[in-house]
Amino acid sequence: MTRRKKTRSLADKVQIRTGRRKDYKKWRHENPDQVVSSTRYTQKKRQQRKLQAARKQARQEAGQDIAIHPERQEGEGGEGPEQGGTRD
């Protein structure tokens, strides 16, 4: 007798009539309350998201500040490069 390969796949744990992938997809669509991710998977993903957020926060704090829209100084007199001069 051959041993069955260990798997974490939910598809192998579900006993349906034909066992075909198409039928499993249909069953999964019809029974969303019975299809849940394992706690191990959700904990792993939650931890990955926390680490990703921490790395992003560290990058933002380490970066230099850029004045994208600096405060306009009073008395500049113009609205930009189109100040009524002629190019010759």
N, C-alpha and C. Protein backbone atom coordinates (compact mmCIF):
# COMPACT_ATOMS: atom_id res chain seq x y z
N MET A 1 0.84 -1.18 0.00
CA MET A 1 0.00 0.00 0.00
C MET A 1 0.89 1.25 0.00
N THR A 2 0.56 2.20 -0.82
CA THR A 2 1.36 3.42 -0.90
C THR A 2 0.80 4.45 0.06
N ARG A 3 1.70 5.25 0.57
CA ARG A 3 1.26 6.30 1.48
C ARG A 3 0.82 7.52 0.70
N ARG A 4 -0.14 8.25 1.22
CA ARG A 4 -0.56 9.50 0.60
C ARG A 4 0.39 10.60 1.03
N LYS A 5 0.72 11.46 0.13
CA LYS A 5 1.61 12.58 0.43
C LYS A 5 0.91 13.55 1.38
N LYS A 6 1.65 14.02 2.38
CA LYS A 6 1.08 15.01 3.29
C LYS A 6 0.91 16.32 2.55
N THR A 7 -0.16 16.99 2.82
CA THR A 7 -0.41 18.25 2.13
C THR A 7 -1.18 19.18 3.05
N ARG A 8 -1.00 20.46 2.84
CA ARG A 8 -1.78 21.44 3.57
C ARG A 8 -2.91 21.96 2.70
N SER A 9 -3.04 21.40 1.53
CA SER A 9 -4.04 21.87 0.59
C SER A 9 -5.44 21.51 1.08
N LEU A 10 -6.33 22.46 0.99
CA LEU A 10 -7.71 22.22 1.39
C LEU A 10 -8.43 21.32 0.39
N ALA A 11 -7.97 21.33 -0.85
CA ALA A 11 -8.64 20.55 -1.89
C ALA A 11 -8.63 19.06 -1.57
N ASP A 12 -7.56 18.58 -0.94
CA ASP A 12 -7.49 17.15 -0.63
C ASP A 12 -8.33 16.78 0.58
N LYS A 13 -8.64 17.73 1.43
CA LYS A 13 -9.41 17.44 2.63
C LYS A 13 -10.91 17.41 2.36
N VAL A 14 -11.32 17.99 1.28
CA VAL A 14 -12.74 18.07 0.97
C VAL A 14 -13.15 16.81 0.21
N GLN A 15 -14.17 16.14 0.71
CA GLN A 15 -14.67 14.94 0.04
C GLN A 15 -15.91 15.33 -0.76
N ILE A 16 -15.77 15.36 -2.06
CA ILE A 16 -16.92 15.63 -2.91
C ILE A 16 -17.05 14.50 -3.91
N ARG A 17 -18.13 14.50 -4.62
CA ARG A 17 -18.50 13.33 -5.42
C ARG A 17 -17.46 12.95 -6.45
N THR A 18 -17.02 13.86 -7.28
CA THR A 18 -16.14 13.48 -8.37
C THR A 18 -14.67 13.69 -8.05
N GLY A 19 -14.37 14.65 -7.18
CA GLY A 19 -12.98 14.93 -6.86
C GLY A 19 -12.28 15.77 -7.91
N ARG A 20 -13.00 16.23 -8.92
CA ARG A 20 -12.38 17.04 -9.96
C ARG A 20 -12.22 18.47 -9.47
N ARG A 21 -11.21 19.14 -9.97
CA ARG A 21 -10.90 20.51 -9.54
C ARG A 21 -12.07 21.46 -9.83
N LYS A 22 -12.69 21.28 -10.98
CA LYS A 22 -13.82 22.14 -11.35
C LYS A 22 -14.94 22.01 -10.33
N ASP A 23 -15.21 20.77 -9.90
CA ASP A 23 -16.26 20.54 -8.91
C ASP A 23 -15.88 21.13 -7.56
N TYR A 24 -14.61 21.05 -7.20
CA TYR A 24 -14.17 21.65 -5.94
C TYR A 24 -14.35 23.15 -5.97
N LYS A 25 -14.00 23.78 -7.10
CA LYS A 25 -14.18 25.22 -7.22
C LYS A 25 -15.64 25.61 -7.07
N LYS A 26 -16.51 24.80 -7.66
CA LYS A 26 -17.95 25.06 -7.56
C LYS A 26 -18.41 24.90 -6.12
N TRP A 27 -17.98 23.83 -5.45
CA TRP A 27 -18.36 23.59 -4.07
C TRP A 27 -17.87 24.73 -3.18
N ARG A 28 -16.64 25.17 -3.41
CA ARG A 28 -16.05 26.25 -2.60
C ARG A 28 -16.84 27.54 -2.78
N HIS A 29 -17.29 27.78 -4.02
CA HIS A 29 -18.07 28.98 -4.29
C HIS A 29 -19.44 28.92 -3.61
N GLU A 30 -20.03 27.72 -3.56
CA GLU A 30 -21.35 27.56 -2.96
C GLU A 30 -21.31 27.49 -1.44
N ASN A 31 -20.18 27.16 -0.86
CA ASN A 31 -20.06 27.01 0.60
C ASN A 31 -18.93 27.85 1.16
N PRO A 32 -19.04 29.17 1.10
CA PRO A 32 -17.92 30.00 1.57
C PRO A 32 -17.71 29.92 3.08
N ASP A 33 -18.76 29.55 3.83
CA ASP A 33 -18.62 29.48 5.28
C ASP A 33 -17.78 28.28 5.72
N GLN A 34 -17.69 27.25 4.91
CA GLN A 34 -16.91 26.06 5.26
C GLN A 34 -15.46 26.15 4.80
N VAL A 35 -15.15 27.13 3.97
CA VAL A 35 -13.79 27.27 3.45
C VAL A 35 -13.11 28.41 4.18
N VAL A 36 -12.18 28.06 5.05
CA VAL A 36 -11.44 29.09 5.79
C VAL A 36 -9.95 28.76 5.72
N SER A 37 -9.14 29.78 5.79
CA SER A 37 -7.71 29.57 5.82
C SER A 37 -7.31 29.00 7.17
N SER A 38 -6.22 28.26 7.17
CA SER A 38 -5.75 27.68 8.43
C SER A 38 -5.24 28.80 9.34
N THR A 39 -5.27 28.54 10.64
CA THR A 39 -4.79 29.57 11.59
C THR A 39 -3.30 29.81 11.39
N ARG A 40 -2.58 28.77 11.04
CA ARG A 40 -1.14 28.92 10.81
C ARG A 40 -0.88 29.90 9.65
N TYR A 41 -1.66 29.75 8.58
CA TYR A 41 -1.50 30.63 7.42
C TYR A 41 -1.87 32.07 7.77
N THR A 42 -2.99 32.27 8.46
CA THR A 42 -3.40 33.64 8.78
C THR A 42 -2.43 34.30 9.74
N GLN A 43 -1.89 33.54 10.70
CA GLN A 43 -0.90 34.11 11.62
C GLN A 43 0.37 34.49 10.87
N LYS A 44 0.78 33.65 9.94
CA LYS A 44 1.98 33.92 9.16
C LYS A 44 1.80 35.19 8.33
N LYS A 45 0.64 35.31 7.66
CA LYS A 45 0.38 36.49 6.84
C LYS A 45 0.28 37.75 7.69
N ARG A 46 -0.35 37.66 8.86
CA ARG A 46 -0.45 38.81 9.75
C ARG A 46 0.94 39.28 10.17
N GLN A 47 1.82 38.32 10.49
CA GLN A 47 3.18 38.67 10.88
C GLN A 47 3.94 39.31 9.71
N GLN A 48 3.74 38.78 8.50
CA GLN A 48 4.40 39.35 7.33
C GLN A 48 3.95 40.78 7.09
N ARG A 49 2.66 41.04 7.27
CA ARG A 49 2.15 42.39 7.07
C ARG A 49 2.70 43.35 8.10
N LYS A 50 2.84 42.89 9.34
CA LYS A 50 3.42 43.73 10.39
C LYS A 50 4.87 44.09 10.05
N LEU A 51 5.63 43.10 9.61
CA LEU A 51 7.03 43.35 9.24
C LEU A 51 7.12 44.30 8.06
N GLN A 52 6.24 44.12 7.07
CA GLN A 52 6.25 45.00 5.91
C GLN A 52 5.93 46.43 6.31
N ALA A 53 4.95 46.61 7.20
CA ALA A 53 4.59 47.95 7.66
C ALA A 53 5.73 48.58 8.44
N ALA A 54 6.42 47.78 9.25
CA ALA A 54 7.55 48.31 10.03
C ALA A 54 8.68 48.75 9.11
N ARG A 55 8.94 47.95 8.07
CA ARG A 55 10.00 48.33 7.11
C ARG A 55 9.63 49.61 6.37
N LYS A 56 8.38 49.72 5.98
CA LYS A 56 7.93 50.92 5.26
C LYS A 56 8.06 52.14 6.16
N GLN A 57 7.66 52.00 7.43
CA GLN A 57 7.76 53.12 8.38
C GLN A 57 9.23 53.53 8.56
N ALA A 58 10.12 52.55 8.65
CA ALA A 58 11.54 52.85 8.81
C ALA A 58 12.09 53.58 7.59
N ARG A 59 11.66 53.14 6.39
CA ARG A 59 12.11 53.82 5.17
C ARG A 59 11.63 55.26 5.14
N GLN A 60 10.39 55.48 5.53
CA GLN A 60 9.84 56.84 5.51
C GLN A 60 10.56 57.74 6.50
N GLU A 61 10.89 57.20 7.67
CA GLU A 61 11.57 58.02 8.68
C GLU A 61 13.02 58.28 8.29
N ALA A 62 13.64 57.34 7.58
CA ALA A 62 15.05 57.50 7.20
C ALA A 62 15.22 58.43 6.01
N GLY A 63 14.17 58.60 5.22
CA GLY A 63 14.27 59.43 4.03
C GLY A 63 14.36 60.91 4.36
N GLN A 64 14.83 61.68 3.40
CA GLN A 64 14.95 63.12 3.62
C GLN A 64 13.64 63.82 3.29
N ASP A 65 13.40 64.92 3.99
CA ASP A 65 12.19 65.70 3.74
C ASP A 65 12.38 66.54 2.49
N ILE A 66 11.36 66.56 1.67
CA ILE A 66 11.39 67.35 0.45
C ILE A 66 10.23 68.34 0.50
N ALA A 67 10.52 69.60 0.20
CA ALA A 67 9.47 70.61 0.17
C ALA A 67 8.84 70.59 -1.22
N ILE A 68 7.80 69.80 -1.37
CA ILE A 68 7.15 69.66 -2.67
C ILE A 68 6.41 70.93 -3.03
N HIS A 69 5.67 71.47 -2.09
CA HIS A 69 4.94 72.72 -2.30
C HIS A 69 5.42 73.72 -1.24
N PRO A 70 6.54 74.35 -1.47
CA PRO A 70 7.02 75.29 -0.46
C PRO A 70 6.07 76.47 -0.32
N GLU A 71 6.08 77.04 0.86
CA GLU A 71 5.24 78.21 1.10
C GLU A 71 5.66 79.32 0.16
N ARG A 72 4.67 79.96 -0.48
CA ARG A 72 4.99 81.07 -1.40
C ARG A 72 5.34 82.30 -0.59
N GLN A 73 6.41 82.95 -1.02
CA GLN A 73 6.83 84.16 -0.33
C GLN A 73 6.05 85.34 -0.86
N GLU A 74 5.72 86.25 0.03
CA GLU A 74 4.98 87.44 -0.38
C GLU A 74 5.89 88.32 -1.22
N GLY A 75 5.34 88.92 -2.28
CA GLY A 75 6.08 89.86 -3.09
C GLY A 75 6.85 89.26 -4.25
N GLU A 76 6.60 88.00 -4.59
CA GLU A 76 7.28 87.44 -5.75
C GLU A 76 6.75 88.07 -7.02
N GLY A 77 5.47 88.39 -7.05
CA GLY A 77 4.91 89.13 -8.17
C GLY A 77 4.48 88.31 -9.35
N GLY A 78 4.81 87.08 -9.46
CA GLY A 78 4.46 86.32 -10.65
C GLY A 78 3.74 85.04 -10.34
N GLU A 79 3.27 84.40 -11.36
CA GLU A 79 2.54 83.16 -11.24
C GLU A 79 3.37 82.01 -11.82
N GLY A 80 4.63 82.24 -12.12
CA GLY A 80 5.44 81.18 -12.69
C GLY A 80 6.29 81.70 -13.83
N PRO A 81 6.72 80.81 -14.72
CA PRO A 81 7.60 81.22 -15.81
C PRO A 81 6.91 82.08 -16.86
N GLU A 82 5.60 82.04 -16.97
CA GLU A 82 4.92 82.86 -17.97
C GLU A 82 4.65 84.26 -17.40
N GLN A 83 5.69 85.11 -17.39
CA GLN A 83 5.52 86.43 -16.77
C GLN A 83 5.50 87.54 -17.81
N GLY A 84 5.14 87.29 -19.00
CA GLY A 84 4.95 88.36 -19.98
C GLY A 84 6.21 88.76 -20.71
N GLY A 85 7.29 88.08 -20.59
CA GLY A 85 8.50 88.42 -21.35
C GLY A 85 8.42 87.82 -22.73
N THR A 86 9.25 88.34 -23.67
CA THR A 86 9.29 87.79 -25.01
C THR A 86 10.59 87.07 -25.22
N ARG A 87 10.54 86.02 -26.00
CA ARG A 87 11.75 85.27 -26.31
C ARG A 87 12.21 85.65 -27.72
N ASP A 88 13.40 86.08 -27.84
CA ASP A 88 13.93 86.43 -29.16
C ASP A 88 15.25 85.77 -29.40
